[in-house]
Amino acid sequence: MGNVLFSIIWLVILIFIGFWIAGLAAGIYILLIPFTVCIEPLSGLTDFLLSVIQFPRYCAQAMVDGKGFN
């Protein structure tokens, strides 16, 4: 029963948090990625934003697996 509960919690996180954060990060990523050619230190920030963009995938995988928060 706990796995189903965690799956529902992950679904709620995915819909109400994951998509919005990833969308915002994607917009910033698209704006910054051309400037990484000229400004090398931005590559660390764009790498971080790329990992944030993949947060919905993490939520979906956790939902399918029924993983807890530990």
PDB file of N, CA and C in Angstrom:
ATOM      1  N   MET A   1       0.822  -1.205   0.000  1.00  0.00           N
ATOM      2  CA  MET A   1       0.000   0.000   0.000  1.00  0.00           C
ATOM      3  C   MET A   1       0.856   1.253   0.000  1.00  0.00           C
ATOM      4  N   GLY A   2       2.032   1.163   0.629  1.00  0.00           N
ATOM      5  CA  GLY A   2       2.908   2.323   0.685  1.00  0.00           C
ATOM      6  C   GLY A   2       3.417   2.725  -0.687  1.00  0.00           C
ATOM      7  N   ASN A   3       3.650   1.737  -1.564  1.00  0.00           N
ATOM      8  CA  ASN A   3       4.135   2.049  -2.900  1.00  0.00           C
ATOM      9  C   ASN A   3       3.110   2.835  -3.702  1.00  0.00           C
ATOM     10  N   VAL A   4       1.845   2.489  -3.566  1.00  0.00           N
ATOM     11  CA  VAL A   4       0.790   3.215  -4.270  1.00  0.00           C
ATOM     12  C   VAL A   4       0.703   4.639  -3.743  1.00  0.00           C
ATOM     13  N   LEU A   5       0.818   4.796  -2.440  1.00  0.00           N
ATOM     14  CA  LEU A   5       0.773   6.125  -1.848  1.00  0.00           C
ATOM     15  C   LEU A   5       1.937   6.978  -2.337  1.00  0.00           C
ATOM     16  N   PHE A   6       3.133   6.410  -2.362  1.00  0.00           N
ATOM     17  CA  PHE A   6       4.285   7.156  -2.863  1.00  0.00           C
ATOM     18  C   PHE A   6       4.138   7.473  -4.349  1.00  0.00           C
ATOM     19  N   SER A   7       3.557   6.575  -5.112  1.00  0.00           N
ATOM     20  CA  SER A   7       3.337   6.842  -6.535  1.00  0.00           C
ATOM     21  C   SER A   7       2.389   8.018  -6.732  1.00  0.00           C
ATOM     22  N   ILE A   8       1.356   8.095  -5.923  1.00  0.00           N
ATOM     23  CA  ILE A   8       0.419   9.220  -6.010  1.00  0.00           C
ATOM     24  C   ILE A   8       1.108  10.515  -5.601  1.00  0.00           C
ATOM     25  N   ILE A   9       1.916  10.462  -4.555  1.00  0.00           N
ATOM     26  CA  ILE A   9       2.652  11.657  -4.126  1.00  0.00           C
ATOM     27  C   ILE A   9       3.601  12.118  -5.223  1.00  0.00           C
ATOM     28  N   TRP A  10       4.315  11.183  -5.857  1.00  0.00           N
ATOM     29  CA  TRP A  10       5.228  11.546  -6.945  1.00  0.00           C
ATOM     30  C   TRP A  10       4.464  12.121  -8.135  1.00  0.00           C
ATOM     31  N   LEU A  11       3.264  11.619  -8.403  1.00  0.00           N
ATOM     32  CA  LEU A  11       2.444  12.168  -9.480  1.00  0.00           C
ATOM     33  C   LEU A  11       2.066  13.615  -9.191  1.00  0.00           C
ATOM     34  N   VAL A  12       1.681  13.890  -7.960  1.00  0.00           N
ATOM     35  CA  VAL A  12       1.333  15.260  -7.571  1.00  0.00           C
ATOM     36  C   VAL A  12       2.551  16.173  -7.691  1.00  0.00           C
ATOM     37  N   ILE A  13       3.705  15.702  -7.244  1.00  0.00           N
ATOM     38  CA  ILE A  13       4.940  16.490  -7.369  1.00  0.00           C
ATOM     39  C   ILE A  13       5.259  16.735  -8.837  1.00  0.00           C
ATOM     40  N   LEU A  14       5.085  15.718  -9.659  1.00  0.00           N
ATOM     41  CA  LEU A  14       5.362  15.849 -11.090  1.00  0.00           C
ATOM     42  C   LEU A  14       4.473  16.903 -11.735  1.00  0.00           C
ATOM     43  N   ILE A  15       3.189  16.858 -11.450  1.00  0.00           N
ATOM     44  CA  ILE A  15       2.246  17.772 -12.099  1.00  0.00           C
ATOM     45  C   ILE A  15       2.375  19.195 -11.569  1.00  0.00           C
ATOM     46  N   PHE A  16       2.429  19.360 -10.250  1.00  0.00           N
ATOM     47  CA  PHE A  16       2.367  20.697  -9.678  1.00  0.00           C
ATOM     48  C   PHE A  16       3.718  21.369  -9.481  1.00  0.00           C
ATOM     49  N   ILE A  17       4.803  20.603  -9.471  1.00  0.00           N
ATOM     50  CA  ILE A  17       6.122  21.198  -9.247  1.00  0.00           C
ATOM     51  C   ILE A  17       7.072  20.897 -10.400  1.00  0.00           C
ATOM     52  N   GLY A  18       7.175  19.626 -10.767  1.00  0.00           N
ATOM     53  CA  GLY A  18       8.179  19.192 -11.736  1.00  0.00           C
ATOM     54  C   GLY A  18       8.078  19.861 -13.085  1.00  0.00           C
ATOM     55  N   PHE A  19       6.882  19.876 -13.665  1.00  0.00           N
ATOM     56  CA  PHE A  19       6.721  20.472 -14.988  1.00  0.00           C
ATOM     57  C   PHE A  19       7.014  21.965 -14.974  1.00  0.00           C
ATOM     58  N   TRP A  20       6.587  22.649 -13.924  1.00  0.00           N
ATOM     59  CA  TRP A  20       6.770  24.102 -13.868  1.00  0.00           C
ATOM     60  C   TRP A  20       8.236  24.477 -13.686  1.00  0.00           C
ATOM     61  N   ILE A  21       8.918  23.784 -12.802  1.00  0.00           N
ATOM     62  CA  ILE A  21      10.341  24.066 -12.586  1.00  0.00           C
ATOM     63  C   ILE A  21      11.140  23.742 -13.842  1.00  0.00           C
ATOM     64  N   ALA A  22      10.842  22.620 -14.472  1.00  0.00           N
ATOM     65  CA  ALA A  22      11.561  22.239 -15.693  1.00  0.00           C
ATOM     66  C   ALA A  22      11.283  23.222 -16.823  1.00  0.00           C
ATOM     67  N   GLY A  23      10.067  23.692 -16.931  1.00  0.00           N
ATOM     68  CA  GLY A  23       9.736  24.675 -17.968  1.00  0.00           C
ATOM     69  C   GLY A  23      10.467  25.986 -17.774  1.00  0.00           C
ATOM     70  N   LEU A  24      10.527  26.445 -16.547  1.00  0.00           N
ATOM     71  CA  LEU A  24      11.252  27.679 -16.251  1.00  0.00           C
ATOM     72  C   LEU A  24      12.742  27.505 -16.513  1.00  0.00           C
ATOM     73  N   ALA A  25      13.292  26.387 -16.082  1.00  0.00           N
ATOM     74  CA  ALA A  25      14.712  26.116 -16.313  1.00  0.00           C
ATOM     75  C   ALA A  25      15.011  25.986 -17.802  1.00  0.00           C
ATOM     76  N   ALA A  26      14.086  25.409 -18.566  1.00  0.00           N
ATOM     77  CA  ALA A  26      14.297  25.266 -20.011  1.00  0.00           C
ATOM     78  C   ALA A  26      14.340  26.626 -20.693  1.00  0.00           C
ATOM     79  N   GLY A  27      13.468  27.529 -20.270  1.00  0.00           N
ATOM     80  CA  GLY A  27      13.488  28.873 -20.846  1.00  0.00           C
ATOM     81  C   GLY A  27      14.798  29.593 -20.580  1.00  0.00           C
ATOM     82  N   ILE A  28      15.267  29.516 -19.346  1.00  0.00           N
ATOM     83  CA  ILE A  28      16.542  30.153 -18.999  1.00  0.00           C
ATOM     84  C   ILE A  28      17.690  29.474 -19.730  1.00  0.00           C
ATOM     85  N   TYR A  29      17.632  28.155 -19.840  1.00  0.00           N
ATOM     86  CA  TYR A  29      18.670  27.392 -20.542  1.00  0.00           C
ATOM     87  C   TYR A  29      18.758  27.817 -22.010  1.00  0.00           C
ATOM     88  N   ILE A  30      17.612  27.957 -22.652  1.00  0.00           N
ATOM     89  CA  ILE A  30      17.583  28.354 -24.062  1.00  0.00           C
ATOM     90  C   ILE A  30      18.178  29.744 -24.243  1.00  0.00           C
ATOM     91  N   LEU A  31      17.912  30.633 -23.303  1.00  0.00           N
ATOM     92  CA  LEU A  31      18.469  31.986 -23.406  1.00  0.00           C
ATOM     93  C   LEU A  31      19.973  32.019 -23.164  1.00  0.00           C
ATOM     94  N   LEU A  32      20.479  31.172 -22.282  1.00  0.00           N
ATOM     95  CA  LEU A  32      21.892  31.232 -21.904  1.00  0.00           C
ATOM     96  C   LEU A  32      22.825  30.392 -22.764  1.00  0.00           C
ATOM     97  N   ILE A  33      22.325  29.324 -23.360  1.00  0.00           N
ATOM     98  CA  ILE A  33      23.213  28.389 -24.052  1.00  0.00           C
ATOM     99  C   ILE A  33      24.024  29.038 -25.183  1.00  0.00           C
ATOM    100  N   PRO A  34      23.510  30.004 -25.942  1.00  0.00           N
ATOM    101  CA  PRO A  34      24.362  30.616 -26.971  1.00  0.00           C
ATOM    102  C   PRO A  34      25.524  31.414 -26.385  1.00  0.00           C
ATOM    103  N   PHE A  35      25.354  31.942 -25.192  1.00  0.00           N
ATOM    104  CA  PHE A  35      26.393  32.767 -24.585  1.00  0.00           C
ATOM    105  C   PHE A  35      27.526  31.947 -23.970  1.00  0.00           C
ATOM    106  N   THR A  36      27.330  30.640 -23.819  1.00  0.00           N
ATOM    107  CA  THR A  36      28.398  29.815 -23.248  1.00  0.00           C
ATOM    108  C   THR A  36      29.594  29.706 -24.184  1.00  0.00           C
ATOM    109  N   VAL A  37      29.386  29.995 -25.456  1.00  0.00           N
ATOM    110  CA  VAL A  37      30.503  29.991 -26.397  1.00  0.00           C
ATOM    111  C   VAL A  37      31.465  31.131 -26.071  1.00  0.00           C
ATOM    112  N   CYS A  38      30.911  32.279 -25.709  1.00  0.00           N
ATOM    113  CA  CYS A  38      31.728  33.463 -25.411  1.00  0.00           C
ATOM    114  C   CYS A  38      32.127  33.545 -23.942  1.00  0.00           C
ATOM    115  N   ILE A  39      31.244  33.114 -23.063  1.00  0.00           N
ATOM    116  CA  ILE A  39      31.473  33.231 -21.622  1.00  0.00           C
ATOM    117  C   ILE A  39      31.553  31.813 -21.052  1.00  0.00           C
ATOM    118  N   GLU A  40      32.760  31.303 -20.936  1.00  0.00           N
ATOM    119  CA  GLU A  40      32.979  29.909 -20.526  1.00  0.00           C
ATOM    120  C   GLU A  40      32.412  29.567 -19.139  1.00  0.00           C
ATOM    121  N   PRO A  41      32.473  30.462 -18.137  1.00  0.00           N
ATOM    122  CA  PRO A  41      31.927  30.092 -16.814  1.00  0.00           C
ATOM    123  C   PRO A  41      30.421  29.810 -16.805  1.00  0.00           C
ATOM    124  N   LEU A  42      29.704  30.216 -17.836  1.00  0.00           N
ATOM    125  CA  LEU A  42      28.270  29.918 -17.896  1.00  0.00           C
ATOM    126  C   LEU A  42      27.985  28.439 -18.144  1.00  0.00           C
ATOM    127  N   SER A  43      28.986  27.692 -18.580  1.00  0.00           N
ATOM    128  CA  SER A  43      28.745  26.279 -18.879  1.00  0.00           C
ATOM    129  C   SER A  43      28.366  25.492 -17.620  1.00  0.00           C
ATOM    130  N   GLY A  44      28.898  25.877 -16.474  1.00  0.00           N
ATOM    131  CA  GLY A  44      28.500  25.218 -15.225  1.00  0.00           C
ATOM    132  C   GLY A  44      27.035  25.459 -14.909  1.00  0.00           C
ATOM    133  N   LEU A  45      26.584  26.691 -15.125  1.00  0.00           N
ATOM    134  CA  LEU A  45      25.180  27.026 -14.885  1.00  0.00           C
ATOM    135  C   LEU A  45      24.268  26.304 -15.868  1.00  0.00           C
ATOM    136  N   THR A  46      24.662  26.262 -17.135  1.00  0.00           N
ATOM    137  CA  THR A  46      23.819  25.580 -18.119  1.00  0.00           C
ATOM    138  C   THR A  46      23.784  24.069 -17.879  1.00  0.00           C
ATOM    139  N   ASP A  47      24.872  23.503 -17.384  1.00  0.00           N
ATOM    140  CA  ASP A  47      24.857  22.075 -17.031  1.00  0.00           C
ATOM    141  C   ASP A  47      23.890  21.811 -15.881  1.00  0.00           C
ATOM    142  N   PHE A  48      23.883  22.708 -14.891  1.00  0.00           N
ATOM    143  CA  PHE A  48      22.945  22.581 -13.777  1.00  0.00           C
ATOM    144  C   PHE A  48      21.504  22.712 -14.268  1.00  0.00           C
ATOM    145  N   LEU A  49      21.251  23.689 -15.143  1.00  0.00           N
ATOM    146  CA  LEU A  49      19.898  23.873 -15.669  1.00  0.00           C
ATOM    147  C   LEU A  49      19.443  22.652 -16.462  1.00  0.00           C
ATOM    148  N   LEU A  50      20.368  22.032 -17.179  1.00  0.00           N
ATOM    149  CA  LEU A  50      20.024  20.822 -17.923  1.00  0.00           C
ATOM    150  C   LEU A  50      19.615  19.693 -16.979  1.00  0.00           C
ATOM    151  N   SER A  51      20.271  19.589 -15.845  1.00  0.00           N
ATOM    152  CA  SER A  51      19.875  18.561 -14.877  1.00  0.00           C
ATOM    153  C   SER A  51      18.519  18.891 -14.245  1.00  0.00           C
ATOM    154  N   VAL A  52      18.215  20.183 -14.070  1.00  0.00           N
ATOM    155  CA  VAL A  52      16.906  20.583 -13.540  1.00  0.00           C
ATOM    156  C   VAL A  52      15.811  20.269 -14.559  1.00  0.00           C
ATOM    157  N   ILE A  53      16.127  20.436 -15.841  1.00  0.00           N
ATOM    158  CA  ILE A  53      15.160  20.133 -16.892  1.00  0.00           C
ATOM    159  C   ILE A  53      14.779  18.656 -16.858  1.00  0.00           C
ATOM    160  N   GLN A  54      15.672  17.803 -16.408  1.00  0.00           N
ATOM    161  CA  GLN A  54      15.408  16.364 -16.348  1.00  0.00           C
ATOM    162  C   GLN A  54      14.687  15.941 -15.066  1.00  0.00           C
ATOM    163  N   PHE A  55      14.304  16.880 -14.208  1.00  0.00           N
ATOM    164  CA  PHE A  55      13.609  16.556 -12.961  1.00  0.00           C
ATOM    165  C   PHE A  55      12.276  15.830 -13.191  1.00  0.00           C
ATOM    166  N   PRO A  56      11.462  16.200 -14.197  1.00  0.00           N
ATOM    167  CA  PRO A  56      10.227  15.428 -14.421  1.00  0.00           C
ATOM    168  C   PRO A  56      10.487  13.956 -14.738  1.00  0.00           C
ATOM    169  N   ARG A  57      11.591  13.661 -15.400  1.00  0.00           N
ATOM    170  CA  ARG A  57      11.935  12.260 -15.669  1.00  0.00           C
ATOM    171  C   ARG A  57      12.221  11.525 -14.362  1.00  0.00           C
ATOM    172  N   TYR A  58      12.928  12.181 -13.452  1.00  0.00           N
ATOM    173  CA  TYR A  58      13.200  11.578 -12.146  1.00  0.00           C
ATOM    174  C   TYR A  58      11.891  11.323 -11.394  1.00  0.00           C
ATOM    175  N   CYS A  59      10.984  12.301 -11.428  1.00  0.00           N
ATOM    176  CA  CYS A  59       9.695  12.131 -10.751  1.00  0.00           C
ATOM    177  C   CYS A  59       8.907  10.978 -11.357  1.00  0.00           C
ATOM    178  N   ALA A  60       8.890  10.897 -12.680  1.00  0.00           N
ATOM    179  CA  ALA A  60       8.147   9.827 -13.342  1.00  0.00           C
ATOM    180  C   ALA A  60       8.750   8.459 -13.026  1.00  0.00           C
ATOM    181  N   GLN A  61      10.073   8.379 -13.004  1.00  0.00           N
ATOM    182  CA  GLN A  61      10.717   7.100 -12.685  1.00  0.00           C
ATOM    183  C   GLN A  61      10.426   6.689 -11.243  1.00  0.00           C
ATOM    184  N   ALA A  62      10.467   7.657 -10.331  1.00  0.00           N
ATOM    185  CA  ALA A  62      10.158   7.367  -8.931  1.00  0.00           C
ATOM    186  C   ALA A  62       8.696   6.963  -8.773  1.00  0.00           C
ATOM    187  N   MET A  63       7.813   7.570  -9.569  1.00  0.00           N
ATOM    188  CA  MET A  63       6.398   7.229  -9.514  1.00  0.00           C
ATOM    189  C   MET A  63       6.178   5.791  -9.992  1.00  0.00           C
ATOM    190  N   VAL A  64       6.821   5.411 -11.080  1.00  0.00           N
ATOM    191  CA  VAL A  64       6.665   4.054 -11.611  1.00  0.00           C
ATOM    192  C   VAL A  64       7.232   3.021 -10.642  1.00  0.00           C
ATOM    193  N   ASP A  65       8.370   3.354 -10.016  1.00  0.00           N
ATOM    194  CA  ASP A  65       9.005   2.426  -9.082  1.00  0.00           C
ATOM    195  C   ASP A  65       8.344   2.426  -7.708  1.00  0.00           C
ATOM    196  N   GLY A  66       7.550   3.446  -7.398  1.00  0.00           N
ATOM    197  CA  GLY A  66       6.940   3.554  -6.080  1.00  0.00           C
ATOM    198  C   GLY A  66       7.952   3.852  -4.996  1.00  0.00           C
ATOM    199  N   LYS A  67       9.011   4.584  -5.359  1.00  0.00           N
ATOM    200  CA  LYS A  67      10.086   4.877  -4.409  1.00  0.00           C
ATOM    201  C   LYS A  67       9.642   5.880  -3.359  1.00  0.00           C
ATOM    202  N   GLY A  68      10.233   5.763  -2.185  1.00  0.00           N
ATOM    203  CA  GLY A  68      10.017   6.725  -1.119  1.00  0.00           C
ATOM    204  C   GLY A  68      10.949   7.911  -1.292  1.00  0.00           C
ATOM    205  N   PHE A  69      11.077   8.697  -0.246  1.00  0.00           N
ATOM    206  CA  PHE A  69      11.889   9.909  -0.316  1.00  0.00           C
ATOM    207  C   PHE A  69      13.290   9.725   0.251  1.00  0.00           C
ATOM    208  N   ASN A  70      13.677   8.533   0.584  1.00  0.00           N
ATOM    209  CA  ASN A  70      15.006   8.330   1.163  1.00  0.00           C
ATOM    210  C   ASN A  70      16.025   7.989   0.122  1.00  0.00           C
TER     211      ASN A  70
END
